[in-house]
Amino acid sequence: MGIFVITYKSERYVRHYYQALRLQLVIKTAYISLVFLFAVMIITITRIYLSLHQLTAINI
């Protein structure tokens, strides 16, 4: 009986650990994608700004 309780407890702990790990992985993935999106946005804005700047420079 005592052994059964110990195995049950450890099993539950492992399940919680895996859930926490999965959650951490999801958060990490979301964070990485967010940073990537932010970087792409900055690059795009910079490129648009530079192209507009070149156009205005040519016009002047």
PDB file of N, CA and C in Angstrom:
ATOM      1  N   MET A   1       0.840  -1.205   0.000  1.00  0.00           N
ATOM      2  CA  MET A   1       0.000   0.000   0.000  1.00  0.00           C
ATOM      3  C   MET A   1       0.878   1.261   0.000  1.00  0.00           C
ATOM      4  N   GLY A   2       1.900   1.252   0.816  1.00  0.00           N
ATOM      5  CA  GLY A   2       2.787   2.411   0.901  1.00  0.00           C
ATOM      6  C   GLY A   2       3.510   2.664  -0.408  1.00  0.00           C
ATOM      7  N   ILE A   3       3.931   1.588  -1.060  1.00  0.00           N
ATOM      8  CA  ILE A   3       4.637   1.710  -2.339  1.00  0.00           C
ATOM      9  C   ILE A   3       3.710   2.322  -3.385  1.00  0.00           C
ATOM     10  N   PHE A   4       2.459   1.886  -3.385  1.00  0.00           N
ATOM     11  CA  PHE A   4       1.474   2.395  -4.346  1.00  0.00           C
ATOM     12  C   PHE A   4       1.311   3.910  -4.203  1.00  0.00           C
ATOM     13  N   VAL A   5       1.227   4.368  -2.963  1.00  0.00           N
ATOM     14  CA  VAL A   5       1.065   5.800  -2.690  1.00  0.00           C
ATOM     15  C   VAL A   5       2.275   6.568  -3.218  1.00  0.00           C
ATOM     16  N   ILE A   6       3.469   6.036  -2.975  1.00  0.00           N
ATOM     17  CA  ILE A   6       4.698   6.703  -3.418  1.00  0.00           C
ATOM     18  C   ILE A   6       4.727   6.812  -4.943  1.00  0.00           C
ATOM     19  N   THR A   7       4.409   5.715  -5.627  1.00  0.00           N
ATOM     20  CA  THR A   7       4.427   5.736  -7.094  1.00  0.00           C
ATOM     21  C   THR A   7       3.377   6.708  -7.619  1.00  0.00           C
ATOM     22  N   TYR A   8       2.212   6.719  -6.985  1.00  0.00           N
ATOM     23  CA  TYR A   8       1.138   7.622  -7.415  1.00  0.00           C
ATOM     24  C   TYR A   8       1.579   9.078  -7.270  1.00  0.00           C
ATOM     25  N   LYS A   9       2.193   9.367  -6.123  1.00  0.00           N
ATOM     26  CA  LYS A   9       2.664  10.735  -5.874  1.00  0.00           C
ATOM     27  C   LYS A   9       3.705  11.152  -6.906  1.00  0.00           C
ATOM     28  N   SER A  10       4.679  10.286  -7.154  1.00  0.00           N
ATOM     29  CA  SER A  10       5.746  10.613  -8.100  1.00  0.00           C
ATOM     30  C   SER A  10       5.171  10.793  -9.497  1.00  0.00           C
ATOM     31  N   GLU A  11       4.193   9.952  -9.845  1.00  0.00           N
ATOM     32  CA  GLU A  11       3.568  10.044 -11.165  1.00  0.00           C
ATOM     33  C   GLU A  11       2.877  11.395 -11.324  1.00  0.00           C
ATOM     34  N   ARG A  12       2.162  11.789 -10.282  1.00  0.00           N
ATOM     35  CA  ARG A  12       1.465  13.075 -10.317  1.00  0.00           C
ATOM     36  C   ARG A  12       2.477  14.221 -10.425  1.00  0.00           C
ATOM     37  N   TYR A  13       3.583  14.089  -9.696  1.00  0.00           N
ATOM     38  CA  TYR A  13       4.634  15.116  -9.721  1.00  0.00           C
ATOM     39  C   TYR A  13       5.231  15.233 -11.118  1.00  0.00           C
ATOM     40  N   VAL A  14       5.477  14.071 -11.725  1.00  0.00           N
ATOM     41  CA  VAL A  14       6.044  14.058 -13.077  1.00  0.00           C
ATOM     42  C   VAL A  14       5.087  14.722 -14.049  1.00  0.00           C
ATOM     43  N   ARG A  15       3.801  14.432 -13.903  1.00  0.00           N
ATOM     44  CA  ARG A  15       2.794  15.028 -14.790  1.00  0.00           C
ATOM     45  C   ARG A  15       2.788  16.543 -14.637  1.00  0.00           C
ATOM     46  N   HIS A  16       2.827  17.009 -13.398  1.00  0.00           N
ATOM     47  CA  HIS A  16       2.859  18.458 -13.152  1.00  0.00           C
ATOM     48  C   HIS A  16       4.115  19.075 -13.747  1.00  0.00           C
ATOM     49  N   TYR A  17       5.230  18.342 -13.597  1.00  0.00           N
ATOM     50  CA  TYR A  17       6.514  18.824 -14.115  1.00  0.00           C
ATOM     51  C   TYR A  17       6.451  18.967 -15.626  1.00  0.00           C
ATOM     52  N   TYR A  18       5.861  17.953 -16.277  1.00  0.00           N
ATOM     53  CA  TYR A  18       5.751  18.003 -17.732  1.00  0.00           C
ATOM     54  C   TYR A  18       4.845  19.149 -18.171  1.00  0.00           C
ATOM     55  N   GLN A  19       3.755  19.356 -17.442  1.00  0.00           N
ATOM     56  CA  GLN A  19       2.839  20.460 -17.768  1.00  0.00           C
ATOM     57  C   GLN A  19       3.550  21.801 -17.647  1.00  0.00           C
ATOM     58  N   ALA A  20       4.318  21.947 -16.572  1.00  0.00           N
ATOM     59  CA  ALA A  20       5.061  23.190 -16.348  1.00  0.00           C
ATOM     60  C   ALA A  20       6.086  23.396 -17.451  1.00  0.00           C
ATOM     61  N   LEU A  21       6.750  22.306 -17.832  1.00  0.00           N
ATOM     62  CA  LEU A  21       7.760  22.365 -18.882  1.00  0.00           C
ATOM     63  C   LEU A  21       7.133  22.780 -20.200  1.00  0.00           C
ATOM     64  N   ARG A  22       5.970  22.187 -20.497  1.00  0.00           N
ATOM     65  CA  ARG A  22       5.267  22.503 -21.743  1.00  0.00           C
ATOM     66  C   ARG A  22       4.847  23.966 -21.749  1.00  0.00           C
ATOM     67  N   LEU A  23       4.348  24.438 -20.621  1.00  0.00           N
ATOM     68  CA  LEU A  23       3.919  25.833 -20.498  1.00  0.00           C
ATOM     69  C   LEU A  23       5.102  26.771 -20.721  1.00  0.00           C
ATOM     70  N   GLN A  24       6.246  26.404 -20.108  1.00  0.00           N
ATOM     71  CA  GLN A  24       7.461  27.210 -20.256  1.00  0.00           C
ATOM     72  C   GLN A  24       7.884  27.253 -21.718  1.00  0.00           C
ATOM     73  N   LEU A  25       7.785  26.111 -22.380  1.00  0.00           N
ATOM     74  CA  LEU A  25       8.162  26.013 -23.792  1.00  0.00           C
ATOM     75  C   LEU A  25       7.260  26.902 -24.637  1.00  0.00           C
ATOM     76  N   VAL A  26       5.962  26.864 -24.357  1.00  0.00           N
ATOM     77  CA  VAL A  26       4.991  27.679 -25.097  1.00  0.00           C
ATOM     78  C   VAL A  26       5.289  29.161 -24.899  1.00  0.00           C
ATOM     79  N   ILE A  27       5.553  29.545 -23.652  1.00  0.00           N
ATOM     80  CA  ILE A  27       5.857  30.947 -23.345  1.00  0.00           C
ATOM     81  C   ILE A  27       7.128  31.381 -24.071  1.00  0.00           C
ATOM     82  N   LYS A  28       8.143  30.482 -24.041  1.00  0.00           N
ATOM     83  CA  LYS A  28       9.408  30.790 -24.701  1.00  0.00           C
ATOM     84  C   LYS A  28       9.207  30.964 -26.199  1.00  0.00           C
ATOM     85  N   THR A  29       8.436  30.054 -26.793  1.00  0.00           N
ATOM     86  CA  THR A  29       8.169  30.110 -28.234  1.00  0.00           C
ATOM     87  C   THR A  29       7.426  31.393 -28.586  1.00  0.00           C
ATOM     88  N   ALA A  30       6.415  31.734 -27.775  1.00  0.00           N
ATOM     89  CA  ALA A  30       5.638  32.949 -28.005  1.00  0.00           C
ATOM     90  C   ALA A  30       6.542  34.176 -27.894  1.00  0.00           C
ATOM     91  N   TYR A  31       7.422  34.161 -26.900  1.00  0.00           N
ATOM     92  CA  TYR A  31       8.339  35.282 -26.679  1.00  0.00           C
ATOM     93  C   TYR A  31       9.282  35.446 -27.869  1.00  0.00           C
ATOM     94  N   ILE A  32       9.817  34.315 -28.355  1.00  0.00           N
ATOM     95  CA  ILE A  32      10.745  34.356 -29.493  1.00  0.00           C
ATOM     96  C   ILE A  32      10.035  34.896 -30.730  1.00  0.00           C
ATOM     97  N   SER A  33       8.809  34.414 -30.961  1.00  0.00           N
ATOM     98  CA  SER A  33       8.058  34.862 -32.138  1.00  0.00           C
ATOM     99  C   SER A  33       7.723  36.347 -32.020  1.00  0.00           C
ATOM    100  N   LEU A  34       7.427  36.787 -30.801  1.00  0.00           N
ATOM    101  CA  LEU A  34       7.117  38.199 -30.566  1.00  0.00           C
ATOM    102  C   LEU A  34       8.334  39.065 -30.866  1.00  0.00           C
ATOM    103  N   VAL A  35       9.487  38.646 -30.369  1.00  0.00           N
ATOM    104  CA  VAL A  35      10.728  39.384 -30.615  1.00  0.00           C
ATOM    105  C   VAL A  35      11.028  39.420 -32.108  1.00  0.00           C
ATOM    106  N   PHE A  36      10.817  38.266 -32.776  1.00  0.00           N
ATOM    107  CA  PHE A  36      11.058  38.170 -34.216  1.00  0.00           C
ATOM    108  C   PHE A  36      10.145  39.132 -34.971  1.00  0.00           C
ATOM    109  N   LEU A  37       8.867  39.155 -34.597  1.00  0.00           N
ATOM    110  CA  LEU A  37       7.900  40.061 -35.224  1.00  0.00           C
ATOM    111  C   LEU A  37       8.321  41.513 -35.024  1.00  0.00           C
ATOM    112  N   PHE A  38       8.747  41.828 -33.816  1.00  0.00           N
ATOM    113  CA  PHE A  38       9.184  43.178 -33.481  1.00  0.00           C
ATOM    114  C   PHE A  38      10.367  43.585 -34.355  1.00  0.00           C
ATOM    115  N   ALA A  39      11.326  42.668 -34.508  1.00  0.00           N
ATOM    116  CA  ALA A  39      12.515  42.932 -35.326  1.00  0.00           C
ATOM    117  C   ALA A  39      12.120  43.157 -36.782  1.00  0.00           C
ATOM    118  N   VAL A  40      11.234  42.323 -37.287  1.00  0.00           N
ATOM    119  CA  VAL A  40      10.770  42.455 -38.677  1.00  0.00           C
ATOM    120  C   VAL A  40      10.077  43.797 -38.870  1.00  0.00           C
ATOM    121  N   MET A  41       9.258  44.178 -37.885  1.00  0.00           N
ATOM    122  CA  MET A  41       8.552  45.456 -37.945  1.00  0.00           C
ATOM    123  C   MET A  41       9.543  46.618 -38.013  1.00  0.00           C
ATOM    124  N   ILE A  42      10.546  46.582 -37.154  1.00  0.00           N
ATOM    125  CA  ILE A  42      11.554  47.652 -37.126  1.00  0.00           C
ATOM    126  C   ILE A  42      12.293  47.724 -38.454  1.00  0.00           C
ATOM    127  N   ILE A  43      12.676  46.552 -38.983  1.00  0.00           N
ATOM    128  CA  ILE A  43      13.397  46.512 -40.265  1.00  0.00           C
ATOM    129  C   ILE A  43      12.524  47.087 -41.379  1.00  0.00           C
ATOM    130  N   THR A  44      11.254  46.688 -41.386  1.00  0.00           N
ATOM    131  CA  THR A  44      10.326  47.164 -42.421  1.00  0.00           C
ATOM    132  C   THR A  44      10.151  48.675 -42.335  1.00  0.00           C
ATOM    133  N   ILE A  45       9.949  49.178 -41.126  1.00  0.00           N
ATOM    134  CA  ILE A  45       9.765  50.625 -40.931  1.00  0.00           C
ATOM    135  C   ILE A  45      11.021  51.374 -41.378  1.00  0.00           C
ATOM    136  N   THR A  46      12.181  50.833 -41.021  1.00  0.00           N
ATOM    137  CA  THR A  46      13.451  51.462 -41.407  1.00  0.00           C
ATOM    138  C   THR A  46      13.589  51.507 -42.917  1.00  0.00           C
ATOM    139  N   ARG A  47      13.245  50.390 -43.561  1.00  0.00           N
ATOM    140  CA  ARG A  47      13.356  50.331 -45.024  1.00  0.00           C
ATOM    141  C   ARG A  47      12.402  51.322 -45.687  1.00  0.00           C
ATOM    142  N   ILE A  48      11.180  51.399 -45.177  1.00  0.00           N
ATOM    143  CA  ILE A  48      10.197  52.343 -45.736  1.00  0.00           C
ATOM    144  C   ILE A  48      10.700  53.773 -45.548  1.00  0.00           C
ATOM    145  N   TYR A  49      11.203  54.051 -44.342  1.00  0.00           N
ATOM    146  CA  TYR A  49      11.709  55.391 -44.037  1.00  0.00           C
ATOM    147  C   TYR A  49      12.865  55.765 -44.963  1.00  0.00           C
ATOM    148  N   LEU A  50      13.781  54.817 -45.158  1.00  0.00           N
ATOM    149  CA  LEU A  50      14.939  55.074 -46.021  1.00  0.00           C
ATOM    150  C   LEU A  50      14.511  55.291 -47.466  1.00  0.00           C
ATOM    151  N   SER A  51      13.563  54.484 -47.931  1.00  0.00           N
ATOM    152  CA  SER A  51      13.104  54.631 -49.318  1.00  0.00           C
ATOM    153  C   SER A  51      12.396  55.975 -49.497  1.00  0.00           C
ATOM    154  N   LEU A  52      11.588  56.366 -48.517  1.00  0.00           N
ATOM    155  CA  LEU A  52      10.911  57.664 -48.578  1.00  0.00           C
ATOM    156  C   LEU A  52      11.937  58.790 -48.549  1.00  0.00           C
ATOM    157  N   HIS A  53      12.942  58.618 -47.704  1.00  0.00           N
ATOM    158  CA  HIS A  53      14.004  59.614 -47.582  1.00  0.00           C
ATOM    159  C   HIS A  53      14.736  59.781 -48.918  1.00  0.00           C
ATOM    160  N   GLN A  54      15.009  58.674 -49.570  1.00  0.00           N
ATOM    161  CA  GLN A  54      15.680  58.710 -50.873  1.00  0.00           C
ATOM    162  C   GLN A  54      14.802  59.411 -51.906  1.00  0.00           C
ATOM    163  N   LEU A  55      13.499  59.110 -51.868  1.00  0.00           N
ATOM    164  CA  LEU A  55      12.569  59.727 -52.818  1.00  0.00           C
ATOM    165  C   LEU A  55      12.528  61.239 -52.624  1.00  0.00           C
ATOM    166  N   THR A  56      12.436  61.667 -51.366  1.00  0.00           N
ATOM    167  CA  THR A  56      12.382  63.106 -51.090  1.00  0.00           C
ATOM    168  C   THR A  56      13.704  63.766 -51.471  1.00  0.00           C
ATOM    169  N   ALA A  57      14.805  63.060 -51.234  1.00  0.00           N
ATOM    170  CA  ALA A  57      16.124  63.602 -51.580  1.00  0.00           C
ATOM    171  C   ALA A  57      16.232  63.790 -53.093  1.00  0.00           C
ATOM    172  N   ILE A  58      15.682  62.845 -53.835  1.00  0.00           N
ATOM    173  CA  ILE A  58      15.724  62.943 -55.300  1.00  0.00           C
ATOM    174  C   ILE A  58      14.837  64.110 -55.763  1.00  0.00           C
ATOM    175  N   ASN A  59      13.680  64.242 -55.141  1.00  0.00           N
ATOM    176  CA  ASN A  59      12.750  65.301 -55.518  1.00  0.00           C
ATOM    177  C   ASN A  59      13.337  66.678 -55.241  1.00  0.00           C
ATOM    178  N   ILE A  60      14.047  66.814 -54.149  1.00  0.00           N
ATOM    179  CA  ILE A  60      14.658  68.097 -53.795  1.00  0.00           C
ATOM    180  C   ILE A  60      15.886  68.278 -54.675  1.00  0.00           C
TER     181      ILE A  60
END
